[in-house]
Amino acid sequence: MTQVITPEVESDIDDAGLGRVIVVGSAIGIPLIFLVSLLLSLPGAGWPLAPEIAVWPALVGGPFVGGFLALMKMMAAENATASVASLPAARRPAALDTAAA
């Protein structure tokens, strides 16, 4: 009898957050990749075929690119609120002793 050990990994993003990443990523990524691939395929394929060519990279790669951007934005927002970086105080220049000169 084998026992399966599953590692317990803590994640800051819950299932609802991950679903939100997928939805926002698809909403952002598909039009973005469609426009980029349309502009890249337009000179070679011409107008009637360029949208037909551009739709496939948009449907396949758009959710990945948009999901990556949405995930990075979400993680950056969580890190920005979790820790506030303090900048070192500005150094004041030493006063020049003009009386000695």
N, C-alpha and C. Protein backbone atom coordinates (compact mmCIF):
# COMPACT_ATOMS: atom_id res chain seq x y z
N MET A 1 0.83 -1.16 0.00
CA MET A 1 0.00 0.00 0.00
C MET A 1 0.89 1.24 0.00
N THR A 2 0.73 2.09 -0.99
CA THR A 2 1.54 3.30 -1.08
C THR A 2 0.74 4.49 -0.60
N GLN A 3 1.44 5.35 0.05
CA GLN A 3 0.80 6.56 0.56
C GLN A 3 1.28 7.74 -0.28
N VAL A 4 0.34 8.51 -0.77
CA VAL A 4 0.66 9.66 -1.59
C VAL A 4 0.79 10.87 -0.67
N ILE A 5 1.93 11.51 -0.73
CA ILE A 5 2.16 12.69 0.09
C ILE A 5 2.05 13.91 -0.81
N THR A 6 1.14 14.78 -0.47
CA THR A 6 0.98 16.01 -1.23
C THR A 6 1.60 17.15 -0.43
N PRO A 7 2.46 17.92 -1.06
CA PRO A 7 3.09 19.03 -0.33
C PRO A 7 2.08 20.14 -0.06
N GLU A 8 2.21 20.73 1.08
CA GLU A 8 1.33 21.83 1.43
C GLU A 8 2.04 23.12 1.05
N VAL A 9 1.53 23.77 0.04
CA VAL A 9 2.12 25.01 -0.44
C VAL A 9 1.15 26.14 -0.14
N GLU A 10 1.64 27.14 0.55
CA GLU A 10 0.79 28.28 0.84
C GLU A 10 0.80 29.22 -0.36
N SER A 11 -0.38 29.67 -0.71
CA SER A 11 -0.52 30.57 -1.84
C SER A 11 -1.28 31.80 -1.39
N ASP A 12 -0.84 32.93 -1.88
CA ASP A 12 -1.52 34.17 -1.54
C ASP A 12 -2.77 34.37 -2.39
N ILE A 13 -2.86 33.67 -3.51
CA ILE A 13 -3.99 33.84 -4.42
C ILE A 13 -4.93 32.66 -4.24
N ASP A 14 -6.18 32.95 -3.92
CA ASP A 14 -7.16 31.89 -3.75
C ASP A 14 -7.78 31.54 -5.11
N ASP A 15 -8.74 30.63 -5.10
CA ASP A 15 -9.36 30.19 -6.36
C ASP A 15 -10.12 31.31 -7.05
N ALA A 16 -10.79 32.14 -6.28
CA ALA A 16 -11.52 33.26 -6.89
C ALA A 16 -10.55 34.25 -7.52
N GLY A 17 -9.41 34.48 -6.88
CA GLY A 17 -8.41 35.37 -7.45
C GLY A 17 -7.81 34.82 -8.72
N LEU A 18 -7.60 33.51 -8.75
CA LEU A 18 -7.06 32.89 -9.95
C LEU A 18 -8.08 32.94 -11.09
N GLY A 19 -9.36 32.74 -10.76
CA GLY A 19 -10.40 32.88 -11.78
C GLY A 19 -10.48 34.29 -12.32
N ARG A 20 -10.29 35.26 -11.43
CA ARG A 20 -10.29 36.66 -11.87
C ARG A 20 -9.11 36.94 -12.79
N VAL A 21 -7.96 36.32 -12.51
CA VAL A 21 -6.79 36.48 -13.37
C VAL A 21 -7.08 35.93 -14.76
N ILE A 22 -7.74 34.78 -14.83
CA ILE A 22 -8.03 34.17 -16.13
C ILE A 22 -9.02 35.02 -16.92
N VAL A 23 -10.06 35.52 -16.25
CA VAL A 23 -11.07 36.32 -16.95
C VAL A 23 -10.49 37.65 -17.42
N VAL A 24 -9.79 38.33 -16.53
CA VAL A 24 -9.19 39.62 -16.91
C VAL A 24 -8.10 39.41 -17.95
N GLY A 25 -7.34 38.33 -17.79
CA GLY A 25 -6.30 38.04 -18.77
C GLY A 25 -6.85 37.76 -20.15
N SER A 26 -7.97 37.05 -20.21
CA SER A 26 -8.59 36.81 -21.52
C SER A 26 -9.17 38.08 -22.10
N ALA A 27 -9.75 38.92 -21.26
CA ALA A 27 -10.35 40.16 -21.75
C ALA A 27 -9.29 41.14 -22.24
N ILE A 28 -8.11 41.10 -21.66
CA ILE A 28 -7.04 42.00 -22.08
C ILE A 28 -6.18 41.37 -23.17
N GLY A 29 -5.84 40.11 -23.00
CA GLY A 29 -4.86 39.47 -23.87
C GLY A 29 -5.35 39.16 -25.27
N ILE A 30 -6.60 38.71 -25.40
CA ILE A 30 -7.09 38.34 -26.73
C ILE A 30 -7.13 39.54 -27.67
N PRO A 31 -7.73 40.69 -27.28
CA PRO A 31 -7.69 41.83 -28.21
C PRO A 31 -6.28 42.37 -28.44
N LEU A 32 -5.45 42.34 -27.40
CA LEU A 32 -4.08 42.83 -27.54
C LEU A 32 -3.29 42.00 -28.55
N ILE A 33 -3.32 40.69 -28.40
CA ILE A 33 -2.59 39.81 -29.31
C ILE A 33 -3.21 39.83 -30.70
N PHE A 34 -4.54 40.00 -30.78
CA PHE A 34 -5.18 40.10 -32.09
C PHE A 34 -4.66 41.32 -32.84
N LEU A 35 -4.58 42.46 -32.16
CA LEU A 35 -4.10 43.67 -32.84
C LEU A 35 -2.64 43.54 -33.24
N VAL A 36 -1.83 42.97 -32.37
CA VAL A 36 -0.41 42.80 -32.69
C VAL A 36 -0.23 41.84 -33.87
N SER A 37 -0.91 40.71 -33.83
CA SER A 37 -0.76 39.75 -34.92
C SER A 37 -1.43 40.25 -36.21
N LEU A 38 -2.46 41.05 -36.09
CA LEU A 38 -3.08 41.65 -37.28
C LEU A 38 -2.10 42.60 -37.95
N LEU A 39 -1.45 43.43 -37.15
CA LEU A 39 -0.48 44.36 -37.73
C LEU A 39 0.73 43.64 -38.32
N LEU A 40 1.11 42.51 -37.72
CA LEU A 40 2.24 41.75 -38.26
C LEU A 40 1.88 40.98 -39.52
N SER A 41 0.64 40.49 -39.61
CA SER A 41 0.25 39.69 -40.78
C SER A 41 -0.31 40.54 -41.92
N LEU A 42 -0.63 41.78 -41.67
CA LEU A 42 -1.24 42.63 -42.70
C LEU A 42 -0.34 42.85 -43.91
N PRO A 43 0.96 43.17 -43.74
CA PRO A 43 1.77 43.38 -44.93
C PRO A 43 1.93 42.14 -45.81
N GLY A 44 1.99 40.97 -45.22
CA GLY A 44 2.22 39.77 -46.01
C GLY A 44 0.96 39.16 -46.58
N ALA A 45 -0.12 39.14 -45.79
CA ALA A 45 -1.32 38.44 -46.21
C ALA A 45 -2.32 39.34 -46.91
N GLY A 46 -2.27 40.62 -46.68
CA GLY A 46 -3.26 41.51 -47.27
C GLY A 46 -4.52 41.57 -46.42
N TRP A 47 -5.41 42.47 -46.77
CA TRP A 47 -6.55 42.72 -45.91
C TRP A 47 -7.54 41.56 -45.79
N PRO A 48 -7.95 40.89 -46.82
CA PRO A 48 -9.00 39.89 -46.57
C PRO A 48 -8.53 38.72 -45.72
N LEU A 49 -7.27 38.35 -45.79
CA LEU A 49 -6.79 37.19 -45.06
C LEU A 49 -6.17 37.52 -43.71
N ALA A 50 -5.77 38.77 -43.48
CA ALA A 50 -5.06 39.12 -42.25
C ALA A 50 -5.89 38.87 -40.99
N PRO A 51 -7.18 39.22 -40.93
CA PRO A 51 -7.94 38.92 -39.71
C PRO A 51 -8.12 37.42 -39.47
N GLU A 52 -8.23 36.65 -40.54
CA GLU A 52 -8.36 35.21 -40.39
C GLU A 52 -7.07 34.59 -39.84
N ILE A 53 -5.94 35.15 -40.21
CA ILE A 53 -4.67 34.66 -39.70
C ILE A 53 -4.46 35.15 -38.27
N ALA A 54 -4.86 36.36 -37.96
CA ALA A 54 -4.60 36.96 -36.66
C ALA A 54 -5.46 36.39 -35.54
N VAL A 55 -6.57 35.76 -35.88
CA VAL A 55 -7.46 35.26 -34.83
C VAL A 55 -6.87 34.06 -34.10
N TRP A 56 -6.08 33.25 -34.77
CA TRP A 56 -5.54 32.04 -34.13
C TRP A 56 -4.50 32.35 -33.06
N PRO A 57 -3.52 33.19 -33.34
CA PRO A 57 -2.61 33.53 -32.23
C PRO A 57 -3.32 34.24 -31.08
N ALA A 58 -4.34 35.02 -31.40
CA ALA A 58 -5.08 35.73 -30.35
C ALA A 58 -5.82 34.76 -29.45
N LEU A 59 -6.45 33.76 -30.04
CA LEU A 59 -7.20 32.80 -29.22
C LEU A 59 -6.30 31.86 -28.44
N VAL A 60 -5.15 31.53 -29.01
CA VAL A 60 -4.25 30.60 -28.34
C VAL A 60 -3.35 31.32 -27.34
N GLY A 61 -2.73 32.39 -27.75
CA GLY A 61 -1.75 33.06 -26.88
C GLY A 61 -2.29 34.21 -26.07
N GLY A 62 -3.45 34.73 -26.44
CA GLY A 62 -4.00 35.89 -25.75
C GLY A 62 -4.28 35.67 -24.28
N PRO A 63 -4.95 34.58 -23.90
CA PRO A 63 -5.17 34.36 -22.46
C PRO A 63 -3.89 34.17 -21.66
N PHE A 64 -2.86 33.59 -22.27
CA PHE A 64 -1.60 33.42 -21.56
C PHE A 64 -0.92 34.76 -21.31
N VAL A 65 -0.85 35.59 -22.33
CA VAL A 65 -0.20 36.90 -22.19
C VAL A 65 -1.00 37.79 -21.25
N GLY A 66 -2.31 37.85 -21.46
CA GLY A 66 -3.15 38.68 -20.59
C GLY A 66 -3.18 38.17 -19.16
N GLY A 67 -3.22 36.85 -18.99
CA GLY A 67 -3.19 36.27 -17.65
C GLY A 67 -1.88 36.57 -16.94
N PHE A 68 -0.78 36.52 -17.68
CA PHE A 68 0.52 36.86 -17.10
C PHE A 68 0.54 38.31 -16.65
N LEU A 69 0.03 39.22 -17.50
CA LEU A 69 0.00 40.63 -17.13
C LEU A 69 -0.91 40.87 -15.93
N ALA A 70 -2.08 40.23 -15.91
CA ALA A 70 -3.00 40.40 -14.79
C ALA A 70 -2.42 39.81 -13.51
N LEU A 71 -1.75 38.67 -13.60
CA LEU A 71 -1.15 38.06 -12.42
C LEU A 71 -0.02 38.90 -11.86
N MET A 72 0.81 39.44 -12.74
CA MET A 72 1.90 40.30 -12.28
C MET A 72 1.36 41.57 -11.63
N LYS A 73 0.28 42.11 -12.20
CA LYS A 73 -0.33 43.32 -11.62
C LYS A 73 -0.91 43.00 -10.24
N MET A 74 -1.56 41.84 -10.10
CA MET A 74 -2.15 41.46 -8.83
C MET A 74 -1.07 41.21 -7.78
N MET A 75 -0.01 40.53 -8.18
CA MET A 75 1.07 40.25 -7.23
C MET A 75 1.80 41.52 -6.84
N ALA A 76 1.96 42.45 -7.76
CA ALA A 76 2.60 43.72 -7.43
C ALA A 76 1.74 44.53 -6.47
N ALA A 77 0.43 44.48 -6.64
CA ALA A 77 -0.47 45.20 -5.73
C ALA A 77 -0.42 44.59 -4.33
N GLU A 78 -0.33 43.27 -4.24
CA GLU A 78 -0.25 42.62 -2.93
C GLU A 78 1.08 42.92 -2.25
N ASN A 79 2.16 42.94 -3.01
CA ASN A 79 3.47 43.22 -2.42
C ASN A 79 3.60 44.68 -2.02
N ALA A 80 2.95 45.57 -2.76
CA ALA A 80 3.04 46.99 -2.44
C ALA A 80 2.31 47.30 -1.14
N THR A 81 1.21 46.60 -0.88
CA THR A 81 0.47 46.85 0.35
C THR A 81 1.07 46.09 1.52
N ALA A 82 1.79 45.02 1.26
CA ALA A 82 2.34 44.20 2.34
C ALA A 82 3.55 44.86 2.98
N SER A 83 4.41 45.40 2.19
CA SER A 83 5.62 46.01 2.74
C SER A 83 5.82 47.38 2.11
N VAL A 84 6.02 48.35 2.94
CA VAL A 84 6.27 49.70 2.47
C VAL A 84 7.76 49.97 2.61
N ALA A 85 8.38 50.28 1.53
CA ALA A 85 9.82 50.54 1.55
C ALA A 85 10.06 51.95 2.06
N SER A 86 11.03 52.08 2.93
CA SER A 86 11.37 53.41 3.43
C SER A 86 12.69 53.82 2.79
N LEU A 87 12.71 54.99 2.26
CA LEU A 87 13.91 55.51 1.63
C LEU A 87 14.81 56.10 2.70
N PRO A 88 16.10 56.00 2.51
CA PRO A 88 16.99 56.61 3.50
C PRO A 88 16.84 58.13 3.47
N ALA A 89 17.07 58.74 4.61
CA ALA A 89 16.95 60.19 4.70
C ALA A 89 18.02 60.84 3.84
N ALA A 90 17.65 61.96 3.26
CA ALA A 90 18.60 62.68 2.42
C ALA A 90 19.72 63.26 3.28
N ARG A 91 20.92 63.18 2.80
CA ARG A 91 22.05 63.69 3.56
C ARG A 91 22.15 65.19 3.36
N ARG A 92 22.34 65.88 4.44
CA ARG A 92 22.49 67.34 4.38
C ARG A 92 23.96 67.64 4.18
N PRO A 93 24.29 68.57 3.30
CA PRO A 93 25.70 68.92 3.13
C PRO A 93 26.23 69.62 4.37
N ALA A 94 27.47 69.40 4.64
CA ALA A 94 28.11 70.05 5.80
C ALA A 94 28.24 71.54 5.53
N ALA A 95 28.04 72.34 6.56
CA ALA A 95 28.17 73.77 6.41
C ALA A 95 29.64 74.13 6.22
N LEU A 96 29.91 75.01 5.30
CA LEU A 96 31.29 75.45 5.04
C LEU A 96 31.65 76.53 6.04
N ASP A 97 32.81 76.41 6.56
CA ASP A 97 33.27 77.42 7.51
C ASP A 97 33.97 78.51 6.73
N THR A 98 33.27 79.58 6.43
CA THR A 98 33.84 80.65 5.62
C THR A 98 34.62 81.64 6.46
N ALA A 99 34.42 81.64 7.77
CA ALA A 99 35.12 82.59 8.63
C ALA A 99 36.60 82.24 8.73
N ALA A 100 36.96 80.97 8.63
CA ALA A 100 38.37 80.55 8.78
C ALA A 100 39.18 80.90 7.56
N ALA A 101 38.55 81.11 6.42
CA ALA A 101 39.29 81.34 5.19
C ALA A 101 39.73 82.73 5.03
